[in-house]
Amino acid sequence: ERVWSFTILTTEPNRRIAALHDRMPVILPREQHSRWLEATPEEAHALMAPCADELLDFHPVSTEVNSPRHNHRGLIEPIAMQTDLLSGN
C-alpha cells in the first residue's frame, strides 16, 4: 500500500529569520532538487543550510494561523503591525 506523506526539514535560521525564530525550513533552489534526491546522507546534510536572506519575504498575519480550525485564504493576508502582538500583551 502506498502512503502519501511529507516531511519538513528544519535548519538554523538565516539572519532575517533569526529575529523571529531559532529555526527555519530547509529551502532548496530548484536547481538542487535532483542533487538532493540522488545525494548520499553526507551530501544531503551539506545541502541543509539556511537559504539566502534575500530569497524570503514575510509580513505579519492573523493569529488565526495558530489553529487548524481555520482554513481560508485570508490567513496569509498581511495585517497591520501592532506592538502588542510582538510583546505578547
PDB file of N, CA and C in Angstrom:
ATOM      1  N   GLU A   1       0.841  -1.180   0.000  1.00  0.00           N
ATOM      2  CA  GLU A   1       0.000   0.000   0.000  1.00  0.00           C
ATOM      3  C   GLU A   1       0.891   1.250   0.000  1.00  0.00           C
ATOM      4  N   ARG A   2       0.553   2.191  -0.850  1.00  0.00           N
ATOM      5  CA  ARG A   2       1.309   3.447  -0.924  1.00  0.00           C
ATOM      6  C   ARG A   2       0.787   4.427   0.127  1.00  0.00           C
ATOM      7  N   VAL A   3       1.700   5.039   0.826  1.00  0.00           N
ATOM      8  CA  VAL A   3       1.355   6.055   1.815  1.00  0.00           C
ATOM      9  C   VAL A   3       1.922   7.382   1.330  1.00  0.00           C
ATOM     10  N   TRP A   4       1.053   8.352   1.113  1.00  0.00           N
ATOM     11  CA  TRP A   4       1.492   9.681   0.693  1.00  0.00           C
ATOM     12  C   TRP A   4       1.775  10.498   1.941  1.00  0.00           C
ATOM     13  N   SER A   5       2.977  11.019   2.044  1.00  0.00           N
ATOM     14  CA  SER A   5       3.344  11.806   3.204  1.00  0.00           C
ATOM     15  C   SER A   5       4.427  12.803   2.817  1.00  0.00           C
ATOM     16  N   PHE A   6       4.770  13.650   3.744  1.00  0.00           N
ATOM     17  CA  PHE A   6       5.870  14.588   3.532  1.00  0.00           C
ATOM     18  C   PHE A   6       6.500  14.910   4.871  1.00  0.00           C
ATOM     19  N   THR A   7       7.672  15.480   4.801  1.00  0.00           N
ATOM     20  CA  THR A   7       8.401  15.884   5.986  1.00  0.00           C
ATOM     21  C   THR A   7       8.948  17.284   5.750  1.00  0.00           C
ATOM     22  N   ILE A   8       8.901  18.100   6.759  1.00  0.00           N
ATOM     23  CA  ILE A   8       9.517  19.422   6.685  1.00  0.00           C
ATOM     24  C   ILE A   8      10.808  19.351   7.497  1.00  0.00           C
ATOM     25  N   LEU A   9      11.930  19.507   6.813  1.00  0.00           N
ATOM     26  CA  LEU A   9      13.229  19.522   7.483  1.00  0.00           C
ATOM     27  C   LEU A   9      13.556  20.945   7.887  1.00  0.00           C
ATOM     28  N   THR A  10      14.109  21.105   9.063  1.00  0.00           N
ATOM     29  CA  THR A  10      14.475  22.443   9.523  1.00  0.00           C
ATOM     30  C   THR A  10      15.981  22.544   9.710  1.00  0.00           C
ATOM     31  N   THR A  11      16.438  23.778   9.715  1.00  0.00           N
ATOM     32  CA  THR A  11      17.847  24.079   9.903  1.00  0.00           C
ATOM     33  C   THR A  11      17.950  25.356  10.733  1.00  0.00           C
ATOM     34  N   GLU A  12      19.154  25.777  10.995  1.00  0.00           N
ATOM     35  CA  GLU A  12      19.328  27.036  11.720  1.00  0.00           C
ATOM     36  C   GLU A  12      18.780  28.172  10.860  1.00  0.00           C
ATOM     37  N   PRO A  13      18.331  29.253  11.469  1.00  0.00           N
ATOM     38  CA  PRO A  13      17.734  30.341  10.691  1.00  0.00           C
ATOM     39  C   PRO A  13      18.787  31.190   9.980  1.00  0.00           C
ATOM     40  N   ASN A  14      18.370  31.803   8.874  1.00  0.00           N
ATOM     41  CA  ASN A  14      19.245  32.805   8.270  1.00  0.00           C
ATOM     42  C   ASN A  14      19.123  34.088   9.102  1.00  0.00           C
ATOM     43  N   ARG A  15      19.829  35.115   8.728  1.00  0.00           N
ATOM     44  CA  ARG A  15      19.884  36.348   9.530  1.00  0.00           C
ATOM     45  C   ARG A  15      18.494  36.955   9.739  1.00  0.00           C
ATOM     46  N   ARG A  16      17.679  37.013   8.690  1.00  0.00           N
ATOM     47  CA  ARG A  16      16.359  37.641   8.802  1.00  0.00           C
ATOM     48  C   ARG A  16      15.416  36.837   9.680  1.00  0.00           C
ATOM     49  N   ILE A  17      15.419  35.529   9.534  1.00  0.00           N
ATOM     50  CA  ILE A  17      14.506  34.687  10.305  1.00  0.00           C
ATOM     51  C   ILE A  17      14.954  34.575  11.759  1.00  0.00           C
ATOM     52  N   ALA A  18      16.245  34.694  12.021  1.00  0.00           N
ATOM     53  CA  ALA A  18      16.764  34.581  13.391  1.00  0.00           C
ATOM     54  C   ALA A  18      16.098  35.577  14.339  1.00  0.00           C
ATOM     55  N   ALA A  19      15.667  36.711  13.818  1.00  0.00           N
ATOM     56  CA  ALA A  19      14.985  37.703  14.656  1.00  0.00           C
ATOM     57  C   ALA A  19      13.597  37.215  15.079  1.00  0.00           C
ATOM     58  N   LEU A  20      13.062  36.198  14.364  1.00  0.00           N
ATOM     59  CA  LEU A  20      11.724  35.690  14.649  1.00  0.00           C
ATOM     60  C   LEU A  20      11.699  34.315  15.298  1.00  0.00           C
ATOM     61  N   HIS A  21      12.687  33.474  14.949  1.00  0.00           N
ATOM     62  CA  HIS A  21      12.636  32.091  15.412  1.00  0.00           C
ATOM     63  C   HIS A  21      14.029  31.470  15.393  1.00  0.00           C
ATOM     64  N   ASP A  22      14.211  30.374  16.132  1.00  0.00           N
ATOM     65  CA  ASP A  22      15.524  29.744  16.212  1.00  0.00           C
ATOM     66  C   ASP A  22      15.756  28.663  15.157  1.00  0.00           C
ATOM     67  N   ARG A  23      14.797  28.451  14.260  1.00  0.00           N
ATOM     68  CA  ARG A  23      14.976  27.511  13.150  1.00  0.00           C
ATOM     69  C   ARG A  23      14.081  27.927  11.995  1.00  0.00           C
ATOM     70  N   MET A  24      14.332  27.321  10.856  1.00  0.00           N
ATOM     71  CA  MET A  24      13.534  27.615   9.658  1.00  0.00           C
ATOM     72  C   MET A  24      13.512  26.374   8.770  1.00  0.00           C
ATOM     73  N   PRO A  25      12.555  26.280   7.847  1.00  0.00           N
ATOM     74  CA  PRO A  25      12.546  25.141   6.920  1.00  0.00           C
ATOM     75  C   PRO A  25      13.762  25.168   6.004  1.00  0.00           C
ATOM     76  N   VAL A  26      14.219  23.989   5.616  1.00  0.00           N
ATOM     77  CA  VAL A  26      15.245  23.893   4.577  1.00  0.00           C
ATOM     78  C   VAL A  26      14.554  24.237   3.259  1.00  0.00           C
ATOM     79  N   ILE A  27      15.096  25.188   2.531  1.00  0.00           N
ATOM     80  CA  ILE A  27      14.523  25.610   1.251  1.00  0.00           C
ATOM     81  C   ILE A  27      15.585  25.404   0.186  1.00  0.00           C
ATOM     82  N   LEU A  28      15.330  24.449  -0.705  1.00  0.00           N
ATOM     83  CA  LEU A  28      16.300  24.146  -1.759  1.00  0.00           C
ATOM     84  C   LEU A  28      15.918  24.858  -3.049  1.00  0.00           C
ATOM     85  N   PRO A  29      16.873  25.518  -3.686  1.00  0.00           N
ATOM     86  CA  PRO A  29      16.605  26.094  -5.002  1.00  0.00           C
ATOM     87  C   PRO A  29      16.284  24.974  -5.993  1.00  0.00           C
ATOM     88  N   ARG A  30      15.477  25.260  -6.977  1.00  0.00           N
ATOM     89  CA  ARG A  30      15.056  24.274  -7.967  1.00  0.00           C
ATOM     90  C   ARG A  30      16.230  23.519  -8.588  1.00  0.00           C
ATOM     91  N   GLU A  31      17.315  24.223  -8.828  1.00  0.00           N
ATOM     92  CA  GLU A  31      18.457  23.576  -9.477  1.00  0.00           C
ATOM     93  C   GLU A  31      19.145  22.542  -8.576  1.00  0.00           C
ATOM     94  N   GLN A  32      18.785  22.483  -7.299  1.00  0.00           N
ATOM     95  CA  GLN A  32      19.366  21.487  -6.393  1.00  0.00           C
ATOM     96  C   GLN A  32      18.420  20.316  -6.103  1.00  0.00           C
ATOM     97  N   HIS A  33      17.209  20.328  -6.652  1.00  0.00           N
ATOM     98  CA  HIS A  33      16.251  19.257  -6.373  1.00  0.00           C
ATOM     99  C   HIS A  33      16.792  17.889  -6.768  1.00  0.00           C
ATOM    100  N   SER A  34      17.320  17.747  -7.976  1.00  0.00           N
ATOM    101  CA  SER A  34      17.850  16.451  -8.418  1.00  0.00           C
ATOM    102  C   SER A  34      19.036  16.031  -7.561  1.00  0.00           C
ATOM    103  N   ARG A  35      19.883  16.990  -7.246  1.00  0.00           N
ATOM    104  CA  ARG A  35      21.044  16.687  -6.403  1.00  0.00           C
ATOM    105  C   ARG A  35      20.596  16.137  -5.054  1.00  0.00           C
ATOM    106  N   TRP A  36      19.554  16.733  -4.477  1.00  0.00           N
ATOM    107  CA  TRP A  36      19.019  16.284  -3.194  1.00  0.00           C
ATOM    108  C   TRP A  36      18.511  14.848  -3.286  1.00  0.00           C
ATOM    109  N   LEU A  37      17.760  14.559  -4.334  1.00  0.00           N
ATOM    110  CA  LEU A  37      17.153  13.235  -4.473  1.00  0.00           C
ATOM    111  C   LEU A  37      18.181  12.132  -4.703  1.00  0.00           C
ATOM    112  N   GLU A  38      19.336  12.485  -5.232  1.00  0.00           N
ATOM    113  CA  GLU A  38      20.376  11.496  -5.527  1.00  0.00           C
ATOM    114  C   GLU A  38      21.526  11.528  -4.517  1.00  0.00           C
ATOM    115  N   ALA A  39      21.424  12.348  -3.510  1.00  0.00           N
ATOM    116  CA  ALA A  39      22.540  12.590  -2.579  1.00  0.00           C
ATOM    117  C   ALA A  39      22.749  11.445  -1.601  1.00  0.00           C
ATOM    118  N   THR A  40      23.992  11.299  -1.194  1.00  0.00           N
ATOM    119  CA  THR A  40      24.315  10.440  -0.061  1.00  0.00           C
ATOM    120  C   THR A  40      23.861  11.188   1.199  1.00  0.00           C
ATOM    121  N   PRO A  41      23.774  10.527   2.327  1.00  0.00           N
ATOM    122  CA  PRO A  41      23.404  11.246   3.557  1.00  0.00           C
ATOM    123  C   PRO A  41      24.325  12.434   3.845  1.00  0.00           C
ATOM    124  N   GLU A  42      25.612  12.282   3.606  1.00  0.00           N
ATOM    125  CA  GLU A  42      26.550  13.379   3.855  1.00  0.00           C
ATOM    126  C   GLU A  42      26.301  14.550   2.906  1.00  0.00           C
ATOM    127  N   GLU A  43      26.053  14.241   1.626  1.00  0.00           N
ATOM    128  CA  GLU A  43      25.778  15.300   0.646  1.00  0.00           C
ATOM    129  C   GLU A  43      24.456  16.009   0.965  1.00  0.00           C
ATOM    130  N   ALA A  44      23.453  15.243   1.372  1.00  0.00           N
ATOM    131  CA  ALA A  44      22.168  15.841   1.730  1.00  0.00           C
ATOM    132  C   ALA A  44      22.317  16.766   2.927  1.00  0.00           C
ATOM    133  N   HIS A  45      23.091  16.341   3.921  1.00  0.00           N
ATOM    134  CA  HIS A  45      23.303  17.173   5.099  1.00  0.00           C
ATOM    135  C   HIS A  45      23.955  18.504   4.718  1.00  0.00           C
ATOM    136  N   ALA A  46      24.881  18.470   3.774  1.00  0.00           N
ATOM    137  CA  ALA A  46      25.553  19.697   3.335  1.00  0.00           C
ATOM    138  C   ALA A  46      24.575  20.655   2.644  1.00  0.00           C
ATOM    139  N   LEU A  47      23.509  20.142   2.049  1.00  0.00           N
ATOM    140  CA  LEU A  47      22.513  20.986   1.377  1.00  0.00           C
ATOM    141  C   LEU A  47      21.527  21.625   2.352  1.00  0.00           C
ATOM    142  N   MET A  48      21.547  21.193   3.588  1.00  0.00           N
ATOM    143  CA  MET A  48      20.572  21.670   4.570  1.00  0.00           C
ATOM    144  C   MET A  48      21.001  22.967   5.249  1.00  0.00           C
ATOM    145  N   ALA A  49      21.514  23.882   4.498  1.00  0.00           N
ATOM    146  CA  ALA A  49      21.947  25.177   5.013  1.00  0.00           C
ATOM    147  C   ALA A  49      20.807  26.191   4.881  1.00  0.00           C
ATOM    148  N   PRO A  50      20.816  27.231   5.697  1.00  0.00           N
ATOM    149  CA  PRO A  50      19.793  28.275   5.542  1.00  0.00           C
ATOM    150  C   PRO A  50      19.877  28.910   4.166  1.00  0.00           C
ATOM    151  N   CYS A  51      18.726  29.260   3.613  1.00  0.00           N
ATOM    152  CA  CYS A  51      18.723  29.926   2.302  1.00  0.00           C
ATOM    153  C   CYS A  51      19.160  31.382   2.464  1.00  0.00           C
ATOM    154  N   ALA A  52      19.484  31.997   1.363  1.00  0.00           N
ATOM    155  CA  ALA A  52      19.927  33.394   1.371  1.00  0.00           C
ATOM    156  C   ALA A  52      18.814  34.309   1.888  1.00  0.00           C
ATOM    157  N   ASP A  53      19.195  35.320   2.640  1.00  0.00           N
ATOM    158  CA  ASP A  53      18.229  36.269   3.212  1.00  0.00           C
ATOM    159  C   ASP A  53      17.295  36.855   2.167  1.00  0.00           C
ATOM    160  N   GLU A  54      17.831  37.210   1.017  1.00  0.00           N
ATOM    161  CA  GLU A  54      17.034  37.909   0.007  1.00  0.00           C
ATOM    162  C   GLU A  54      15.997  37.020  -0.686  1.00  0.00           C
ATOM    163  N   LEU A  55      16.029  35.720  -0.455  1.00  0.00           N
ATOM    164  CA  LEU A  55      15.047  34.830  -1.065  1.00  0.00           C
ATOM    165  C   LEU A  55      13.719  34.810  -0.320  1.00  0.00           C
ATOM    166  N   LEU A  56      13.687  35.363   0.882  1.00  0.00           N
ATOM    167  CA  LEU A  56      12.475  35.337   1.693  1.00  0.00           C
ATOM    168  C   LEU A  56      11.911  36.720   1.915  1.00  0.00           C
ATOM    169  N   ASP A  57      10.598  36.766   1.928  1.00  0.00           N
ATOM    170  CA  ASP A  57       9.890  37.978   2.303  1.00  0.00           C
ATOM    171  C   ASP A  57       8.794  37.536   3.263  1.00  0.00           C
ATOM    172  N   PHE A  58       8.476  38.336   4.231  1.00  0.00           N
ATOM    173  CA  PHE A  58       7.436  37.953   5.171  1.00  0.00           C
ATOM    174  C   PHE A  58       6.720  39.185   5.690  1.00  0.00           C
ATOM    175  N   HIS A  59       5.542  38.953   6.249  1.00  0.00           N
ATOM    176  CA  HIS A  59       4.722  40.020   6.807  1.00  0.00           C
ATOM    177  C   HIS A  59       3.872  39.444   7.934  1.00  0.00           C
ATOM    178  N   PRO A  60       3.400  40.289   8.854  1.00  0.00           N
ATOM    179  CA  PRO A  60       2.564  39.781   9.941  1.00  0.00           C
ATOM    180  C   PRO A  60       1.217  39.298   9.397  1.00  0.00           C
ATOM    181  N   VAL A  61       0.703  38.220   9.992  1.00  0.00           N
ATOM    182  CA  VAL A  61      -0.602  37.667   9.623  1.00  0.00           C
ATOM    183  C   VAL A  61      -1.431  37.468  10.890  1.00  0.00           C
ATOM    184  N   SER A  62      -2.680  37.156  10.713  1.00  0.00           N
ATOM    185  CA  SER A  62      -3.592  36.951  11.830  1.00  0.00           C
ATOM    186  C   SER A  62      -3.145  35.781  12.703  1.00  0.00           C
ATOM    187  N   THR A  63      -3.414  35.874  13.991  1.00  0.00           N
ATOM    188  CA  THR A  63      -3.125  34.766  14.902  1.00  0.00           C
ATOM    189  C   THR A  63      -4.035  33.574  14.632  1.00  0.00           C
ATOM    190  N   GLU A  64      -5.000  33.714  13.740  1.00  0.00           N
ATOM    191  CA  GLU A  64      -5.838  32.575  13.347  1.00  0.00           C
ATOM    192  C   GLU A  64      -4.998  31.438  12.756  1.00  0.00           C
ATOM    193  N   VAL A  65      -3.811  31.746  12.243  1.00  0.00           N
ATOM    194  CA  VAL A  65      -2.963  30.697  11.664  1.00  0.00           C
ATOM    195  C   VAL A  65      -2.517  29.687  12.716  1.00  0.00           C
ATOM    196  N   ASN A  66      -2.658  30.016  13.989  1.00  0.00           N
ATOM    197  CA  ASN A  66      -2.222  29.128  15.061  1.00  0.00           C
ATOM    198  C   ASN A  66      -3.183  27.979  15.331  1.00  0.00           C
ATOM    199  N   SER A  67      -4.318  27.950  14.661  1.00  0.00           N
ATOM    200  CA  SER A  67      -5.307  26.901  14.906  1.00  0.00           C
ATOM    201  C   SER A  67      -5.676  26.185  13.607  1.00  0.00           C
ATOM    202  N   PRO A  68      -5.678  24.855  13.618  1.00  0.00           N
ATOM    203  CA  PRO A  68      -6.074  24.119  12.412  1.00  0.00           C
ATOM    204  C   PRO A  68      -7.565  24.246  12.101  1.00  0.00           C
ATOM    205  N   ARG A  69      -8.349  24.814  13.013  1.00  0.00           N
ATOM    206  CA  ARG A  69      -9.781  25.030  12.741  1.00  0.00           C
ATOM    207  C   ARG A  69      -9.992  26.074  11.663  1.00  0.00           C
ATOM    208  N   HIS A  70      -9.004  26.919  11.451  1.00  0.00           N
ATOM    209  CA  HIS A  70      -9.113  27.976  10.445  1.00  0.00           C
ATOM    210  C   HIS A  70      -8.405  27.533   9.178  1.00  0.00           C
ATOM    211  N   ASN A  71      -9.091  27.654   8.058  1.00  0.00           N
ATOM    212  CA  ASN A  71      -8.511  27.234   6.781  1.00  0.00           C
ATOM    213  C   ASN A  71      -9.144  28.053   5.666  1.00  0.00           C
ATOM    214  N   HIS A  72      -8.642  29.261   5.499  1.00  0.00           N
ATOM    215  CA  HIS A  72      -9.144  30.117   4.422  1.00  0.00           C
ATOM    216  C   HIS A  72      -8.007  30.988   3.903  1.00  0.00           C
ATOM    217  N   ARG A  73      -8.184  31.488   2.707  1.00  0.00           N
ATOM    218  CA  ARG A  73      -7.147  32.268   2.033  1.00  0.00           C
ATOM    219  C   ARG A  73      -6.744  33.526   2.809  1.00  0.00           C
ATOM    220  N   GLY A  74      -7.651  34.072   3.560  1.00  0.00           N
ATOM    221  CA  GLY A  74      -7.366  35.284   4.321  1.00  0.00           C
ATOM    222  C   GLY A  74      -6.279  35.112   5.359  1.00  0.00           C
ATOM    223  N   LEU A  75      -5.946  33.873   5.698  1.00  0.00           N
ATOM    224  CA  LEU A  75      -4.908  33.632   6.703  1.00  0.00           C
ATOM    225  C   LEU A  75      -3.539  34.152   6.278  1.00  0.00           C
ATOM    226  N   ILE A  76      -3.301  34.269   4.984  1.00  0.00           N
ATOM    227  CA  ILE A  76      -1.992  34.741   4.525  1.00  0.00           C
ATOM    228  C   ILE A  76      -1.986  36.224   4.173  1.00  0.00           C
ATOM    229  N   GLU A  77      -3.119  36.880   4.345  1.00  0.00           N
ATOM    230  CA  GLU A  77      -3.198  38.312   4.062  1.00  0.00           C
ATOM    231  C   GLU A  77      -2.453  39.111   5.127  1.00  0.00           C
ATOM    232  N   PRO A  78      -1.694  40.126   4.714  1.00  0.00           N
ATOM    233  CA  PRO A  78      -0.981  40.953   5.696  1.00  0.00           C
ATOM    234  C   PRO A  78      -1.956  41.677   6.629  1.00  0.00           C
ATOM    235  N   ILE A  79      -1.555  41.849   7.861  1.00  0.00           N
ATOM    236  CA  ILE A  79      -2.311  42.670   8.808  1.00  0.00           C
ATOM    237  C   ILE A  79      -1.408  43.806   9.260  1.00  0.00           C
ATOM    238  N   ALA A  80      -2.010  44.830   9.832  1.00  0.00           N
ATOM    239  CA  ALA A  80      -1.233  45.948  10.353  1.00  0.00           C
ATOM    240  C   ALA A  80      -0.421  45.471  11.551  1.00  0.00           C
ATOM    241  N   MET A  81       0.823  45.888  11.604  1.00  0.00           N
ATOM    242  CA  MET A  81       1.705  45.517  12.710  1.00  0.00           C
ATOM    243  C   MET A  81       1.274  46.252  13.964  1.00  0.00           C
ATOM    244  N   GLN A  82       1.100  45.503  15.039  1.00  0.00           N
ATOM    245  CA  GLN A  82       0.744  46.076  16.319  1.00  0.00           C
ATOM    246  C   GLN A  82       1.832  45.698  17.332  1.00  0.00           C
ATOM    247  N   THR A  83       2.284  46.654  18.088  1.00  0.00           N
ATOM    248  CA  THR A  83       3.376  46.373  19.031  1.00  0.00           C
ATOM    249  C   THR A  83       2.950  45.367  20.089  1.00  0.00           C
ATOM    250  N   ASP A  84       1.648  45.336  20.439  1.00  0.00           N
ATOM    251  CA  ASP A  84       1.226  44.386  21.458  1.00  0.00           C
ATOM    252  C   ASP A  84       1.298  42.946  20.944  1.00  0.00           C
ATOM    253  N   LEU A  85       1.239  42.739  19.624  1.00  0.00           N
ATOM    254  CA  LEU A  85       1.407  41.394  19.073  1.00  0.00           C
ATOM    255  C   LEU A  85       2.830  40.910  19.277  1.00  0.00           C
ATOM    256  N   LEU A  86       3.784  41.812  19.192  1.00  0.00           N
ATOM    257  CA  LEU A  86       5.183  41.435  19.341  1.00  0.00           C
ATOM    258  C   LEU A  86       5.565  41.236  20.805  1.00  0.00           C
ATOM    259  N   SER A  87       4.956  41.992  21.679  1.00  0.00           N
ATOM    260  CA  SER A  87       5.327  41.898  23.092  1.00  0.00           C
ATOM    261  C   SER A  87       4.541  40.836  23.854  1.00  0.00           C
ATOM    262  N   GLY A  88       3.502  40.301  23.229  1.00  0.00           N
ATOM    263  CA  GLY A  88       2.687  39.283  23.896  1.00  0.00           C
ATOM    264  C   GLY A  88       1.626  39.854  24.806  1.00  0.00           C
ATOM    265  N   ASN A  89       1.416  41.166  24.780  1.00  0.00           N
ATOM    266  CA  ASN A  89       0.381  41.804  25.618  1.00  0.00           C
ATOM    267  C   ASN A  89      -0.943  41.913  24.889  1.00  0.00           C
TER     268      ASN A  89
END
